[in-house]
Every structure is written in structure tokens, then in C-alpha cells.
């Protein structure tokens, strides 16, 4: 059985997730968000304070919010730079309240992700990375900026039990049993989108493998008892420790 991390470790891992999103070019100024559920009852989760860039977020900067949007840290609600992004709250609370296995939820607005999200046929099975998401990526229709809490039901319904979702005309979303797994899914979903955009820009005919072969490749990527990303996470943390270890503060 996988050991459940305590709040301190979750804060470090989530701060690392923010730094890695920035390092690999998947941030959007102070916008978009990543969250992690805290241990205990009530589905409380950690998320970034509104107004900080991903490359400066530290473990101690993360704020705790419940499913009603109430901040646990006293005084933060009055600070305009420390409020939780309301659209972020809608999206993340929707997933945390409906997916007990989704410890971590990541959401991005990247050029490649938003480009693919603007296509009628979003993710094509053009390469080995995208084949990992064969029949395993969900789609959610655009409803405007996610400020209406009623959208939570539809976000949860559309994601279902899948690890990734393309938000039409918006961006990408992934979940994981750990921060490492959510980042793994996001990194490779993003890479799938970047490759697709690059291939389509050539104007050449697309070489899409036959569906049985795509399905076979997908089974080779199937998740096991150990969350995806587990092996690579220590190496990514070592990278961050070399670059700037203050994410742990």
C-alpha cells in the first residue's frame, strides 16, 4: 500500500510541481493552477495564492481552501494578492469533490495545449506519447470563464475516471494519485500537443498508425499499482534543488 504523505511533504511536492511547470514552459503568468488534497475529512486542498508566478511559489506560500471556498489561513481573504483564483477554485473543487483518487489536479494554458483545444478533432494519435492517452483523455465543452459553480457537475461528469481532459477553447487538465503522477500526465499531454502542432504546421500528410496498433501501444502504457512519474520525481526534485531549492521553504 502506498504511504500517504503528510501536509509538509504535500506542500513541498506541490511547490515543486509549480516550479516544474514554469521550468518546462507550462505556466501562464499568475494564472492557471495546481492543487493537492490534504489528508483528513472535508476535501480541503492546497492551491496557489492568486498573484504569484509559478517560479516563485514556495511550500509555505500555498493556501488551504475548502469546498465552499473558505480560506483556512486567517487574514488572507482581505489581501487582494492572496485570494484564490475563483476560476481555479471552481475547476479544482469540482475534481476534488468527485474523484477520491485525484490527490493532485493540474491545469494549464499553454500555446500548444490551447491550440489543440481549439480543434474540432483535438488530440490525434500521431506519436508514441499521444498513444498513451488513447481512449483515456476526456473533453469538456467551453462554457466561458469557469466562474459559475454549476459547471462543477459538468466538469466532474466529463472527466469521469480518466487521467486527463482537454478543455475546449481553454487548455489542459490532468490528475494523479500523487503530484508526480499528475505532472507526468501533464508533461506528456503537453508534449503530445506540441508534437501535433509541429507536425500539422509542416502541411504534409499525417501518418496516423492504424487503430489496432495505437490500441496495442496504449496497453503498454497502462498504469499499475505504482503511480506514473514515481521513478522520475526524485530526479526532478534534484534538478530543482540544483536550480533553486527555496521551493522547499
Protein backbone atom coordinates (compact mmCIF):
# COMPACT_ATOMS: atom_id res chain seq x y z
CA UNK A 1 0.00 0.00 0.00
CA UNK A 2 1.26 3.46 -0.91
CA UNK A 3 2.24 5.56 2.11
CA UNK A 4 0.18 8.73 2.46
CA UNK A 5 2.37 11.85 2.62
CA UNK A 6 1.85 14.38 5.39
CA UNK A 7 0.98 18.03 4.80
CA UNK A 8 4.60 19.18 4.85
CA UNK A 9 5.57 16.73 2.10
CA UNK A 10 2.47 17.61 0.07
CA UNK A 11 3.40 21.29 0.28
CA UNK A 12 6.94 20.57 -0.94
CA UNK A 13 5.71 18.36 -3.78
CA UNK A 14 3.07 20.87 -4.87
CA UNK A 15 5.53 23.77 -4.79
CA UNK A 16 7.87 21.60 -6.86
CA UNK A 17 5.03 20.98 -9.30
CA UNK A 18 4.60 24.72 -9.79
CA UNK A 19 8.31 25.26 -10.30
CA UNK A 20 8.49 22.41 -12.81
CA UNK A 21 5.53 23.74 -14.79
CA UNK A 22 7.37 27.06 -15.03
CA UNK A 23 10.70 25.40 -15.88
CA UNK A 24 9.17 23.44 -18.76
CA UNK A 25 7.24 26.43 -20.14
CA UNK A 26 3.77 25.44 -18.98
CA UNK A 27 2.93 28.46 -16.81
CA UNK A 28 0.77 31.48 -17.69
CA UNK A 29 1.91 34.49 -15.67
CA UNK A 30 -0.14 34.35 -12.41
CA UNK A 31 -2.95 32.35 -14.00
CA UNK A 32 -3.80 28.63 -14.06
CA UNK A 33 -3.37 26.48 -11.00
CA UNK A 34 -2.40 23.19 -9.44
CA UNK A 35 -3.89 21.78 -6.27
CA UNK A 36 -3.40 18.87 -3.90
CA UNK A 37 -5.90 17.37 -1.45
CA UNK A 38 -4.93 17.44 2.20
CA UNK A 39 -5.32 14.43 4.49
CA UNK A 40 -8.45 14.20 6.61
CA UNK A 41 -12.12 14.86 6.06
CA UNK A 42 -13.77 17.68 4.17
CA UNK A 43 -11.79 17.64 0.90
CA UNK A 44 -9.63 20.59 1.87
CA UNK A 45 -6.93 21.29 -0.67
CA UNK A 46 -3.79 23.37 -1.16
CA UNK A 47 -3.60 25.79 -4.09
CA UNK A 48 -1.53 28.79 -5.17
CA UNK A 49 -2.33 32.23 -3.81
CA UNK A 50 -3.66 34.46 -6.58
CA UNK A 51 -0.97 36.90 -7.62
CA UNK A 52 2.21 34.81 -7.54
CA UNK A 53 4.09 33.48 -10.55
CA UNK A 54 4.81 29.77 -10.62
CA UNK A 55 8.58 30.21 -10.47
CA UNK A 56 8.42 31.95 -7.07
CA UNK A 57 5.97 29.70 -5.23
CA UNK A 58 7.29 28.08 -2.06
CA UNK A 59 5.77 25.39 0.12
CA UNK A 60 4.83 27.97 2.75
CA UNK A 61 3.04 30.20 0.20
CA UNK A 62 0.34 27.65 -0.60
CA UNK A 63 -3.09 28.33 0.88
CA UNK A 64 -5.70 25.92 2.17
CA UNK A 65 -9.26 26.13 0.86
CA UNK A 66 -12.35 24.02 1.49
CA UNK A 67 -15.12 23.03 -0.94
CA UNK A 68 -17.08 26.15 0.00
CA UNK A 69 -14.16 28.36 -0.97
CA UNK A 70 -13.25 29.35 2.57
CA UNK A 71 -9.57 30.01 3.27
CA UNK A 72 -8.10 28.37 6.35
CA UNK A 73 -5.33 30.95 6.81
CA UNK A 74 -6.67 33.92 8.82
CA UNK A 75 -6.47 37.33 7.19
CA UNK A 76 -5.78 36.11 3.66
CA UNK A 77 -9.31 36.78 2.42
CA UNK A 78 -8.77 40.51 2.91
CA UNK A 79 -5.50 40.57 0.99
CA UNK A 80 -6.18 41.19 -2.70
CA UNK A 81 -2.94 39.46 -3.71
CA UNK A 82 -3.65 36.34 -1.65
CA UNK A 83 -7.12 35.37 -2.78
CA UNK A 84 -7.62 32.12 -4.64
CA UNK A 85 -8.35 32.48 -8.34
CA UNK A 86 -12.16 31.97 -8.48
CA UNK A 87 -12.00 30.04 -11.75
CA UNK A 88 -9.29 27.88 -10.23
CA UNK A 89 -11.50 27.17 -7.24
CA UNK A 90 -14.38 26.09 -9.49
CA UNK A 91 -12.25 23.72 -11.53
CA UNK A 92 -10.24 22.19 -8.71
CA UNK A 93 -13.06 21.82 -6.24
CA UNK A 94 -15.09 20.06 -8.94
CA UNK A 95 -12.44 17.37 -9.31
CA UNK A 96 -11.51 17.01 -5.65
CA UNK A 97 -15.13 16.53 -4.62
CA UNK A 98 -15.78 13.88 -7.30
CA UNK A 99 -12.51 11.94 -7.64
CA UNK A 100 -11.20 10.45 -4.38
CA UNK A 101 -8.18 9.11 -6.28
CA UNK A 102 -7.21 12.55 -7.64
CA UNK A 103 -4.82 13.74 -4.95
CA UNK A 104 -3.40 16.32 -7.38
CA UNK A 105 -5.11 18.33 -10.13
CA UNK A 106 -3.11 20.36 -12.68
CA UNK A 107 -4.49 22.88 -15.16
CA UNK A 108 -2.51 24.78 -17.83
CA UNK A 109 -2.93 27.38 -20.56
CA UNK A 110 -0.09 26.59 -22.96
CA UNK A 111 0.25 27.62 -26.59
CA UNK A 112 0.24 24.02 -27.80
CA UNK A 113 -2.48 22.90 -25.40
CA UNK A 114 -4.78 25.78 -26.28
CA UNK A 115 -4.11 25.27 -29.98
CA UNK A 116 -5.13 21.63 -29.84
CA UNK A 117 -8.09 22.57 -27.62
CA UNK A 118 -9.30 24.83 -30.46
CA UNK A 119 -9.50 21.96 -32.97
CA UNK A 120 -12.69 20.04 -33.74
CA UNK A 121 -10.71 16.80 -33.55
CA UNK A 122 -8.37 17.65 -30.67
CA UNK A 123 -5.75 15.02 -29.84
CA UNK A 124 -4.58 12.89 -32.77
CA UNK A 125 -2.70 9.63 -32.26
CA UNK A 126 0.35 10.86 -34.16
CA UNK A 127 3.15 9.68 -31.91
CA UNK A 128 4.00 7.31 -29.09
CA UNK A 129 3.42 10.00 -26.45
CA UNK A 130 -0.13 10.71 -27.58
CA UNK A 131 -0.92 6.99 -27.83
CA UNK A 132 -0.63 6.79 -24.06
CA UNK A 133 -3.85 8.85 -23.98
CA UNK A 134 -5.77 6.68 -26.44
CA UNK A 135 -9.35 6.44 -25.15
CA UNK A 136 -8.03 7.97 -21.92
CA UNK A 137 -8.43 11.71 -22.42
CA UNK A 138 -11.76 13.41 -21.74
CA UNK A 139 -13.23 16.55 -23.33
CA UNK A 140 -15.19 19.39 -21.77
CA UNK A 141 -17.09 21.94 -23.85
CA UNK A 142 -16.31 25.62 -23.36
CA UNK A 143 -18.73 27.47 -21.05
CA UNK A 144 -16.84 30.74 -20.61
CA UNK A 145 -14.54 31.60 -17.71
CA UNK A 146 -15.18 28.99 -15.02
CA UNK A 147 -16.88 31.28 -12.50
CA UNK A 148 -20.24 29.50 -12.30
CA UNK A 149 -20.18 26.82 -9.62
CA UNK A 150 -22.86 24.90 -11.50
CA UNK A 151 -20.15 23.99 -14.02
CA UNK A 152 -18.54 21.77 -11.39
CA UNK A 153 -21.04 18.98 -12.04
CA UNK A 154 -20.29 19.01 -15.76
CA UNK A 155 -16.52 19.16 -15.27
CA UNK A 156 -16.71 16.11 -12.98
CA UNK A 157 -19.07 14.29 -15.34
CA UNK A 158 -16.91 14.89 -18.40
CA UNK A 159 -13.65 13.89 -16.72
CA UNK A 160 -15.16 10.69 -15.37
CA UNK A 161 -12.41 8.32 -14.30
CA UNK A 162 -9.82 9.48 -16.84
CA UNK A 163 -6.41 10.96 -16.00
CA UNK A 164 -6.57 13.86 -18.47
CA UNK A 165 -9.04 16.26 -20.03
CA UNK A 166 -8.89 18.82 -22.82
CA UNK A 167 -10.98 21.88 -22.00
CA UNK A 168 -12.26 23.09 -25.38
CA UNK A 169 -11.05 26.58 -26.35
CA UNK A 170 -9.29 26.74 -22.99
CA UNK A 171 -6.47 24.39 -22.03
CA UNK A 172 -5.40 21.11 -20.45
CA UNK A 173 -6.13 19.35 -17.18
CA UNK A 174 -4.61 16.26 -15.60
CA UNK A 175 -4.99 14.41 -12.32
CA UNK A 176 -2.85 11.96 -10.39
CA UNK A 177 -2.66 9.84 -7.27
CA UNK A 178 0.45 11.87 -6.49
CA UNK A 179 1.80 15.23 -7.63
CA UNK A 180 4.38 13.26 -9.60
CA UNK A 181 1.70 11.35 -11.48
CA UNK A 182 -0.33 14.47 -12.31
CA UNK A 183 2.87 16.14 -13.58
CA UNK A 184 3.77 13.04 -15.60
CA UNK A 185 0.38 13.13 -17.32
CA UNK A 186 0.60 16.89 -17.91
CA UNK A 187 4.13 16.78 -19.30
CA UNK A 188 3.30 14.07 -21.80
CA UNK A 189 -0.09 15.51 -22.74
CA UNK A 190 1.66 18.83 -23.37
CA UNK A 191 4.37 17.12 -25.42
CA UNK A 192 1.68 15.32 -27.43
CA UNK A 193 0.09 18.67 -28.22
CA UNK A 194 3.42 20.28 -29.14
CA UNK A 195 4.26 17.43 -31.48
CA UNK A 196 0.81 17.56 -33.09
CA UNK A 197 1.05 21.31 -33.70
CA UNK A 198 4.56 20.93 -35.14
CA UNK A 199 3.52 18.09 -37.45
CA UNK A 200 0.41 19.92 -38.67
CA UNK A 201 2.50 23.02 -39.43
CA UNK A 202 4.55 21.05 -41.96
CA UNK A 203 1.48 20.80 -44.20
CA UNK A 204 2.48 17.25 -45.09
CA UNK A 205 0.09 14.31 -45.00
CA UNK A 206 -0.27 12.93 -41.49
CA UNK A 207 0.93 9.40 -40.82
CA UNK A 208 -1.61 8.10 -38.31
CA UNK A 209 -0.96 4.46 -37.31
CA UNK A 210 -3.87 2.02 -37.65
CA UNK A 211 -6.16 1.90 -34.63
CA UNK A 212 -5.27 -1.67 -33.55
CA UNK A 213 -1.61 -0.65 -33.33
CA UNK A 214 -2.50 2.51 -31.40
CA UNK A 215 -4.62 0.44 -29.00
CA UNK A 216 -1.74 -2.02 -28.54
CA UNK A 217 0.68 0.80 -27.72
CA UNK A 218 -1.82 2.25 -25.24
CA UNK A 219 -1.96 -1.04 -23.32
CA UNK A 220 1.81 -0.94 -22.97
CA UNK A 221 1.46 2.33 -21.07
CA UNK A 222 -1.29 1.18 -18.72
CA UNK A 223 -0.86 2.33 -15.13
CA UNK A 224 -0.06 -0.17 -12.42
CA UNK A 225 -0.10 -0.13 -8.65
CA UNK A 226 2.78 2.36 -8.59
CA UNK A 227 1.68 5.84 -9.80
CA UNK A 228 3.25 7.04 -13.02
CA UNK A 229 6.05 9.52 -12.53
CA UNK A 230 7.27 7.85 -9.33
CA UNK A 231 10.62 6.91 -10.82
CA UNK A 232 11.33 10.32 -12.37
CA UNK A 233 10.15 12.50 -9.44
CA UNK A 234 13.32 12.25 -7.29
CA UNK A 235 15.41 13.26 -10.33
CA UNK A 236 13.14 16.26 -10.95
CA UNK A 237 13.44 17.32 -7.32
CA UNK A 238 17.23 17.06 -7.59
CA UNK A 239 17.04 19.32 -10.64
CA UNK A 240 15.05 21.88 -8.66
CA UNK A 241 17.47 21.62 -5.74
CA UNK A 242 20.32 22.49 -8.10
CA UNK A 243 18.44 25.38 -9.72
CA UNK A 244 16.88 26.98 -6.63
CA UNK A 245 15.99 24.93 -3.56
CA UNK A 246 13.87 27.67 -1.96
CA UNK A 247 10.70 25.97 -3.24
CA UNK A 248 11.01 23.83 -0.08
CA UNK A 249 10.79 26.84 2.25
